[in-house]
Amino acid sequence: MTSRENLTFKVRLSRRAEGYLRRTDRNTQKRIAAAIENMRQNPIRGLHIRPLEGRESEYRYYLGNLRIVYTVHPEERLIDITSIGPRGDIYK
């Protein structure tokens, strides 16, 4: 294991997020995979990352019309992705 791997976060997908990934097209899957890789490096700061108001340790990553909503557990170096979907549906 390299020292760079020690700095990245592990990612865990909820069933809801996994389901969305399975149903979406291959191009969108690749875009989401690239976004998740960016989040693994720094899940709290970034051009497309914003904290969710009123929710501690919860963030959203926006990717065009898609949103990835996740919780960060810094002590465990873990990102829990709770949902992935279109902007209009994600916060329901």
C-alpha atoms as a PDB file:
ATOM      1  CA  MET A   1       0.000   0.000   0.000  1.00  0.00           C
ATOM      2  CA  THR A   2       1.431   3.384  -0.974  1.00  0.00           C
ATOM      3  CA  SER A   3       1.333   6.440   1.239  1.00  0.00           C
ATOM      4  CA  ARG A   4      -1.096   8.060  -1.220  1.00  0.00           C
ATOM      5  CA  GLU A   5      -3.576   5.207  -0.659  1.00  0.00           C
ATOM      6  CA  ASN A   6      -3.409   5.905   3.079  1.00  0.00           C
ATOM      7  CA  LEU A   7      -4.660   9.437   2.421  1.00  0.00           C
ATOM      8  CA  THR A   8      -7.728   8.477   0.413  1.00  0.00           C
ATOM      9  CA  PHE A   9     -11.127   7.733   1.878  1.00  0.00           C
ATOM     10  CA  LYS A  10     -12.963   4.451   1.443  1.00  0.00           C
ATOM     11  CA  VAL A  11     -16.406   4.641  -0.142  1.00  0.00           C
ATOM     12  CA  ARG A  12     -19.548   2.743   0.831  1.00  0.00           C
ATOM     13  CA  LEU A  13     -22.698   2.928  -1.321  1.00  0.00           C
ATOM     14  CA  SER A  14     -26.228   2.585   0.015  1.00  0.00           C
ATOM     15  CA  ARG A  15     -28.631   0.225  -1.748  1.00  0.00           C
ATOM     16  CA  ARG A  16     -30.419   3.249  -3.167  1.00  0.00           C
ATOM     17  CA  ALA A  17     -27.181   4.620  -4.664  1.00  0.00           C
ATOM     18  CA  GLU A  18     -26.202   1.191  -6.030  1.00  0.00           C
ATOM     19  CA  GLY A  19     -29.619   0.860  -7.630  1.00  0.00           C
ATOM     20  CA  TYR A  20     -29.294   4.186  -9.394  1.00  0.00           C
ATOM     21  CA  LEU A  21     -25.855   3.237 -10.705  1.00  0.00           C
ATOM     22  CA  ARG A  22     -27.175  -0.055 -12.087  1.00  0.00           C
ATOM     23  CA  ARG A  23     -30.082   1.632 -13.863  1.00  0.00           C
ATOM     24  CA  THR A  24     -28.169   4.505 -15.449  1.00  0.00           C
ATOM     25  CA  ASP A  25     -26.306   4.468 -18.766  1.00  0.00           C
ATOM     26  CA  ARG A  26     -22.599   3.622 -19.104  1.00  0.00           C
ATOM     27  CA  ASN A  27     -21.509   7.225 -19.813  1.00  0.00           C
ATOM     28  CA  THR A  28     -23.215   8.495 -16.651  1.00  0.00           C
ATOM     29  CA  GLN A  29     -21.686   5.630 -14.661  1.00  0.00           C
ATOM     30  CA  LYS A  30     -18.223   6.743 -15.813  1.00  0.00           C
ATOM     31  CA  ARG A  31     -18.920  10.361 -14.827  1.00  0.00           C
ATOM     32  CA  ILE A  32     -20.116   9.259 -11.385  1.00  0.00           C
ATOM     33  CA  ALA A  33     -17.073   6.998 -10.931  1.00  0.00           C
ATOM     34  CA  ALA A  34     -14.757   9.925 -11.751  1.00  0.00           C
ATOM     35  CA  ALA A  35     -16.622  12.148  -9.271  1.00  0.00           C
ATOM     36  CA  ILE A  36     -16.342   9.502  -6.546  1.00  0.00           C
ATOM     37  CA  GLU A  37     -12.610   9.212  -7.194  1.00  0.00           C
ATOM     38  CA  ASN A  38     -12.285  12.998  -6.744  1.00  0.00           C
ATOM     39  CA  MET A  39     -14.278  12.790  -3.507  1.00  0.00           C
ATOM     40  CA  ARG A  40     -11.958  10.067  -2.188  1.00  0.00           C
ATOM     41  CA  GLN A  41      -9.050  12.516  -2.327  1.00  0.00           C
ATOM     42  CA  ASN A  42     -10.818  15.318  -0.439  1.00  0.00           C
ATOM     43  CA  PRO A  43     -14.519  14.793   0.350  1.00  0.00           C
ATOM     44  CA  ILE A  44     -15.010  18.103   2.168  1.00  0.00           C
ATOM     45  CA  ARG A  45     -13.518  20.688  -0.181  1.00  0.00           C
ATOM     46  CA  GLY A  46     -13.769  21.011  -3.910  1.00  0.00           C
ATOM     47  CA  LEU A  47     -15.263  22.946  -6.768  1.00  0.00           C
ATOM     48  CA  HIS A  48     -18.386  20.763  -6.910  1.00  0.00           C
ATOM     49  CA  ILE A  49     -18.749  20.037  -3.185  1.00  0.00           C
ATOM     50  CA  ARG A  50     -21.067  21.894  -0.821  1.00  0.00           C
ATOM     51  CA  PRO A  51     -22.137  21.070   2.755  1.00  0.00           C
ATOM     52  CA  LEU A  52     -25.838  20.397   3.283  1.00  0.00           C
ATOM     53  CA  GLU A  53     -27.385  23.049   5.490  1.00  0.00           C
ATOM     54  CA  GLY A  54     -28.495  21.866   8.899  1.00  0.00           C
ATOM     55  CA  ARG A  55     -26.806  18.486   8.529  1.00  0.00           C
ATOM     56  CA  GLU A  56     -23.452  17.933  10.150  1.00  0.00           C
ATOM     57  CA  SER A  57     -20.902  15.998   8.075  1.00  0.00           C
ATOM     58  CA  GLU A  58     -23.288  15.714   5.097  1.00  0.00           C
ATOM     59  CA  TYR A  59     -22.331  17.028   1.683  1.00  0.00           C
ATOM     60  CA  ARG A  60     -23.437  17.058  -1.916  1.00  0.00           C
ATOM     61  CA  TYR A  61     -21.336  16.745  -5.014  1.00  0.00           C
ATOM     62  CA  TYR A  62     -22.968  18.247  -8.057  1.00  0.00           C
ATOM     63  CA  LEU A  63     -22.296  16.822 -11.460  1.00  0.00           C
ATOM     64  CA  GLY A  64     -24.372  18.683 -14.034  1.00  0.00           C
ATOM     65  CA  ASN A  65     -27.986  17.792 -13.278  1.00  0.00           C
ATOM     66  CA  LEU A  66     -26.952  14.926 -10.979  1.00  0.00           C
ATOM     67  CA  ARG A  67     -26.296  15.101  -7.251  1.00  0.00           C
ATOM     68  CA  ILE A  68     -24.343  12.718  -5.039  1.00  0.00           C
ATOM     69  CA  VAL A  69     -25.327  13.055  -1.372  1.00  0.00           C
ATOM     70  CA  TYR A  70     -22.957  11.611   1.187  1.00  0.00           C
ATOM     71  CA  THR A  71     -21.784  11.631   4.803  1.00  0.00           C
ATOM     72  CA  VAL A  72     -18.122  11.888   5.755  1.00  0.00           C
ATOM     73  CA  HIS A  73     -16.656   9.992   8.710  1.00  0.00           C
ATOM     74  CA  PRO A  74     -13.152  11.531   8.967  1.00  0.00           C
ATOM     75  CA  GLU A  75     -12.018   9.399  11.906  1.00  0.00           C
ATOM     76  CA  GLU A  76     -12.726   6.236   9.893  1.00  0.00           C
ATOM     77  CA  ARG A  77     -11.640   7.793   6.567  1.00  0.00           C
ATOM     78  CA  LEU A  78     -14.997   6.696   5.169  1.00  0.00           C
ATOM     79  CA  ILE A  79     -17.537   8.248   2.796  1.00  0.00           C
ATOM     80  CA  ASP A  80     -21.101   6.888   2.966  1.00  0.00           C
ATOM     81  CA  ILE A  81     -22.907   7.709  -0.279  1.00  0.00           C
ATOM     82  CA  THR A  82     -26.585   7.763   0.632  1.00  0.00           C
ATOM     83  CA  SER A  83     -28.115   8.722  -2.710  1.00  0.00           C
ATOM     84  CA  ILE A  84     -27.356   9.566  -6.318  1.00  0.00           C
ATOM     85  CA  GLY A  85     -29.874  11.049  -8.705  1.00  0.00           C
ATOM     86  CA  PRO A  86     -31.244  14.009 -10.637  1.00  0.00           C
ATOM     87  CA  ARG A  87     -31.289  17.332  -8.845  1.00  0.00           C
ATOM     88  CA  GLY A  88     -35.079  17.506  -8.601  1.00  0.00           C
ATOM     89  CA  ASP A  89     -35.460  14.053  -7.032  1.00  0.00           C
ATOM     90  CA  ILE A  90     -32.454  13.775  -4.750  1.00  0.00           C
ATOM     91  CA  TYR A  91     -33.682  15.815  -1.781  1.00  0.00           C
ATOM     92  CA  LYS A  92     -37.129  14.170  -1.532  1.00  0.00           C
END
